[in-house]
Amino acid sequence: MATQTLAERTEILAPTGLSPLLTTAQLMARYGVSNWTVNEWVKAGCPVEPTAFRGRRFDLAAVQAWMAERSEQRLTA
């Protein structure tokens, strides 16, 4: 089976109301940041989805909402 892109997985899951979870590497690529940066985001409260195995997953919509909230807080501070 060929590897699906994030867009393909999103389209497949859309009718169920779910969204694909991203790995740390995928989140790093999405935002163009390092592993260290993602780790700092998690320490600062970035939402992480629990997994039954080693590693962590990120819901892109939840991460985007968290980042927007942080941006608002910075603007009002």
N, C-alpha and C. Protein backbone atom coordinates (compact mmCIF):
# COMPACT_ATOMS: atom_id res chain seq x y z
N MET A 1 0.83 -1.17 0.00
CA MET A 1 0.00 0.00 0.00
C MET A 1 0.88 1.24 0.00
N ALA A 2 0.53 2.19 -0.83
CA ALA A 2 1.31 3.42 -0.94
C ALA A 2 1.02 4.32 0.27
N THR A 3 2.00 5.12 0.62
CA THR A 3 1.82 6.06 1.72
C THR A 3 0.88 7.17 1.29
N GLN A 4 -0.06 7.50 2.16
CA GLN A 4 -1.01 8.56 1.85
C GLN A 4 -0.48 9.89 2.35
N THR A 5 -0.82 10.94 1.61
CA THR A 5 -0.45 12.27 2.05
C THR A 5 -1.43 12.72 3.13
N LEU A 6 -1.06 13.77 3.82
CA LEU A 6 -1.95 14.31 4.85
C LEU A 6 -3.27 14.74 4.25
N ALA A 7 -3.23 15.34 3.06
CA ALA A 7 -4.46 15.77 2.40
C ALA A 7 -5.36 14.58 2.07
N GLU A 8 -4.76 13.49 1.62
CA GLU A 8 -5.55 12.28 1.30
C GLU A 8 -6.17 11.69 2.55
N ARG A 9 -5.40 11.61 3.63
CA ARG A 9 -5.93 11.08 4.89
C ARG A 9 -7.04 11.97 5.43
N THR A 10 -6.87 13.28 5.31
CA THR A 10 -7.88 14.22 5.77
C THR A 10 -9.18 14.01 5.00
N GLU A 11 -9.08 13.84 3.69
CA GLU A 11 -10.26 13.62 2.85
C GLU A 11 -10.96 12.32 3.21
N ILE A 12 -10.21 11.28 3.46
CA ILE A 12 -10.78 9.98 3.81
C ILE A 12 -11.51 10.05 5.16
N LEU A 13 -10.91 10.75 6.11
CA LEU A 13 -11.49 10.83 7.46
C LEU A 13 -12.60 11.87 7.59
N ALA A 14 -12.70 12.80 6.66
CA ALA A 14 -13.67 13.90 6.77
C ALA A 14 -15.10 13.44 7.03
N PRO A 15 -15.62 12.42 6.34
CA PRO A 15 -17.00 12.01 6.60
C PRO A 15 -17.23 11.50 8.03
N THR A 16 -16.18 11.09 8.70
CA THR A 16 -16.32 10.58 10.07
C THR A 16 -16.24 11.68 11.13
N GLY A 17 -15.85 12.88 10.70
CA GLY A 17 -15.67 13.98 11.64
C GLY A 17 -14.33 13.95 12.34
N LEU A 18 -13.45 13.07 11.92
CA LEU A 18 -12.13 12.95 12.52
C LEU A 18 -11.08 13.62 11.64
N SER A 19 -9.94 13.90 12.22
CA SER A 19 -8.82 14.42 11.44
C SER A 19 -7.60 13.58 11.77
N PRO A 20 -6.68 13.45 10.81
CA PRO A 20 -5.49 12.63 11.08
C PRO A 20 -4.60 13.30 12.12
N LEU A 21 -3.94 12.48 12.90
CA LEU A 21 -3.00 12.98 13.89
C LEU A 21 -1.60 13.02 13.28
N LEU A 22 -0.86 14.06 13.60
CA LEU A 22 0.48 14.23 13.05
C LEU A 22 1.53 13.72 14.02
N THR A 23 2.61 13.19 13.45
CA THR A 23 3.77 12.83 14.25
C THR A 23 4.56 14.10 14.54
N THR A 24 5.52 14.00 15.42
CA THR A 24 6.39 15.14 15.70
C THR A 24 7.08 15.60 14.42
N ALA A 25 7.56 14.66 13.63
CA ALA A 25 8.26 15.00 12.38
C ALA A 25 7.33 15.73 11.41
N GLN A 26 6.09 15.30 11.33
CA GLN A 26 5.14 15.96 10.44
C GLN A 26 4.82 17.37 10.93
N LEU A 27 4.70 17.54 12.24
CA LEU A 27 4.45 18.86 12.80
C LEU A 27 5.65 19.78 12.56
N MET A 28 6.85 19.22 12.73
CA MET A 28 8.06 19.98 12.45
C MET A 28 8.08 20.46 11.01
N ALA A 29 7.75 19.57 10.08
CA ALA A 29 7.75 19.92 8.66
C ALA A 29 6.66 20.94 8.35
N ARG A 30 5.52 20.79 8.97
CA ARG A 30 4.39 21.70 8.73
C ARG A 30 4.76 23.14 9.09
N TYR A 31 5.45 23.32 10.23
CA TYR A 31 5.79 24.65 10.70
C TYR A 31 7.23 25.06 10.42
N GLY A 32 8.03 24.15 9.88
CA GLY A 32 9.41 24.48 9.56
C GLY A 32 10.25 24.76 10.80
N VAL A 33 10.02 23.96 11.85
CA VAL A 33 10.73 24.15 13.11
C VAL A 33 11.49 22.88 13.47
N SER A 34 12.30 22.98 14.51
CA SER A 34 13.10 21.84 14.96
C SER A 34 12.36 21.02 16.00
N ASN A 35 12.91 19.86 16.30
CA ASN A 35 12.37 19.00 17.35
C ASN A 35 12.40 19.73 18.69
N TRP A 36 13.46 20.49 18.94
CA TRP A 36 13.57 21.26 20.17
C TRP A 36 12.39 22.22 20.32
N THR A 37 12.03 22.89 19.23
CA THR A 37 10.92 23.84 19.26
C THR A 37 9.61 23.13 19.60
N VAL A 38 9.36 21.99 18.98
CA VAL A 38 8.15 21.23 19.28
C VAL A 38 8.14 20.82 20.75
N ASN A 39 9.28 20.37 21.26
CA ASN A 39 9.36 20.01 22.68
C ASN A 39 9.05 21.20 23.58
N GLU A 40 9.54 22.38 23.21
CA GLU A 40 9.25 23.59 23.99
C GLU A 40 7.76 23.94 23.92
N TRP A 41 7.15 23.75 22.75
CA TRP A 41 5.70 23.99 22.62
C TRP A 41 4.93 23.08 23.57
N VAL A 42 5.34 21.80 23.61
CA VAL A 42 4.65 20.83 24.48
C VAL A 42 4.80 21.25 25.94
N LYS A 43 6.00 21.68 26.33
CA LYS A 43 6.21 22.15 27.70
C LYS A 43 5.34 23.36 28.01
N ALA A 44 5.08 24.19 26.99
CA ALA A 44 4.28 25.40 27.17
C ALA A 44 2.78 25.14 27.10
N GLY A 45 2.41 23.88 26.82
CA GLY A 45 0.98 23.55 26.83
C GLY A 45 0.38 23.16 25.50
N CYS A 46 1.19 23.00 24.47
CA CYS A 46 0.66 22.56 23.17
C CYS A 46 -0.08 21.23 23.35
N PRO A 47 -1.30 21.13 22.80
CA PRO A 47 -2.07 19.90 22.99
C PRO A 47 -1.43 18.68 22.31
N VAL A 48 -1.35 17.60 23.06
CA VAL A 48 -0.78 16.34 22.58
C VAL A 48 -1.82 15.25 22.76
N GLU A 49 -1.96 14.40 21.77
CA GLU A 49 -2.89 13.29 21.86
C GLU A 49 -2.17 12.07 22.42
N PRO A 50 -2.76 11.41 23.41
CA PRO A 50 -2.12 10.21 23.96
C PRO A 50 -2.13 9.07 22.95
N THR A 51 -1.10 8.25 23.01
CA THR A 51 -1.01 7.08 22.15
C THR A 51 -0.73 5.85 23.00
N ALA A 52 -1.01 4.70 22.44
CA ALA A 52 -0.78 3.45 23.15
C ALA A 52 0.66 2.96 22.97
N PHE A 53 1.44 3.72 22.26
CA PHE A 53 2.82 3.32 21.98
C PHE A 53 3.74 4.50 22.23
N ARG A 54 5.03 4.27 22.11
CA ARG A 54 6.00 5.34 22.34
C ARG A 54 5.83 6.43 21.30
N GLY A 55 5.93 7.63 21.72
CA GLY A 55 5.79 8.76 20.81
C GLY A 55 4.55 9.57 21.16
N ARG A 56 4.31 10.58 20.37
CA ARG A 56 3.15 11.42 20.59
C ARG A 56 2.58 11.86 19.25
N ARG A 57 1.34 12.24 19.28
CA ARG A 57 0.65 12.67 18.08
C ARG A 57 -0.02 14.01 18.35
N PHE A 58 -0.22 14.77 17.29
CA PHE A 58 -0.78 16.11 17.40
C PHE A 58 -1.97 16.25 16.47
N ASP A 59 -3.06 16.80 16.99
CA ASP A 59 -4.22 17.14 16.18
C ASP A 59 -3.94 18.54 15.63
N LEU A 60 -3.81 18.67 14.32
CA LEU A 60 -3.41 19.93 13.71
C LEU A 60 -4.38 21.05 14.07
N ALA A 61 -5.68 20.78 14.06
CA ALA A 61 -6.67 21.83 14.39
C ALA A 61 -6.47 22.31 15.83
N ALA A 62 -6.20 21.38 16.75
CA ALA A 62 -5.98 21.76 18.15
C ALA A 62 -4.70 22.57 18.30
N VAL A 63 -3.66 22.20 17.57
CA VAL A 63 -2.40 22.94 17.63
C VAL A 63 -2.60 24.34 17.06
N GLN A 64 -3.31 24.45 15.95
CA GLN A 64 -3.55 25.76 15.35
C GLN A 64 -4.35 26.65 16.30
N ALA A 65 -5.36 26.09 16.97
CA ALA A 65 -6.16 26.86 17.93
C ALA A 65 -5.28 27.31 19.10
N TRP A 66 -4.41 26.42 19.58
CA TRP A 66 -3.51 26.76 20.68
C TRP A 66 -2.57 27.88 20.27
N MET A 67 -2.04 27.81 19.05
CA MET A 67 -1.12 28.85 18.58
C MET A 67 -1.85 30.19 18.43
N ALA A 68 -3.07 30.16 17.93
CA ALA A 68 -3.85 31.39 17.79
C ALA A 68 -4.11 32.02 19.16
N GLU A 69 -4.42 31.19 20.13
CA GLU A 69 -4.66 31.68 21.49
C GLU A 69 -3.40 32.32 22.06
N ARG A 70 -2.27 31.69 21.83
CA ARG A 70 -0.99 32.25 22.31
C ARG A 70 -0.69 33.58 21.65
N SER A 71 -0.99 33.69 20.34
CA SER A 71 -0.76 34.94 19.62
C SER A 71 -1.62 36.05 20.19
N GLU A 72 -2.89 35.75 20.48
CA GLU A 72 -3.79 36.74 21.08
C GLU A 72 -3.27 37.20 22.44
N GLN A 73 -2.79 36.24 23.23
CA GLN A 73 -2.28 36.58 24.57
C GLN A 73 -1.06 37.49 24.46
N ARG A 74 -0.23 37.25 23.47
CA ARG A 74 0.96 38.09 23.30
C ARG A 74 0.58 39.51 22.88
N LEU A 75 -0.46 39.61 22.03
CA LEU A 75 -0.88 40.92 21.56
C LEU A 75 -1.52 41.76 22.66
N THR A 76 -2.20 41.09 23.59
CA THR A 76 -2.86 41.82 24.67
C THR A 76 -1.96 42.05 25.87
N ALA A 77 -0.81 41.41 25.88
CA ALA A 77 0.10 41.56 27.03
C ALA A 77 0.91 42.82 26.92
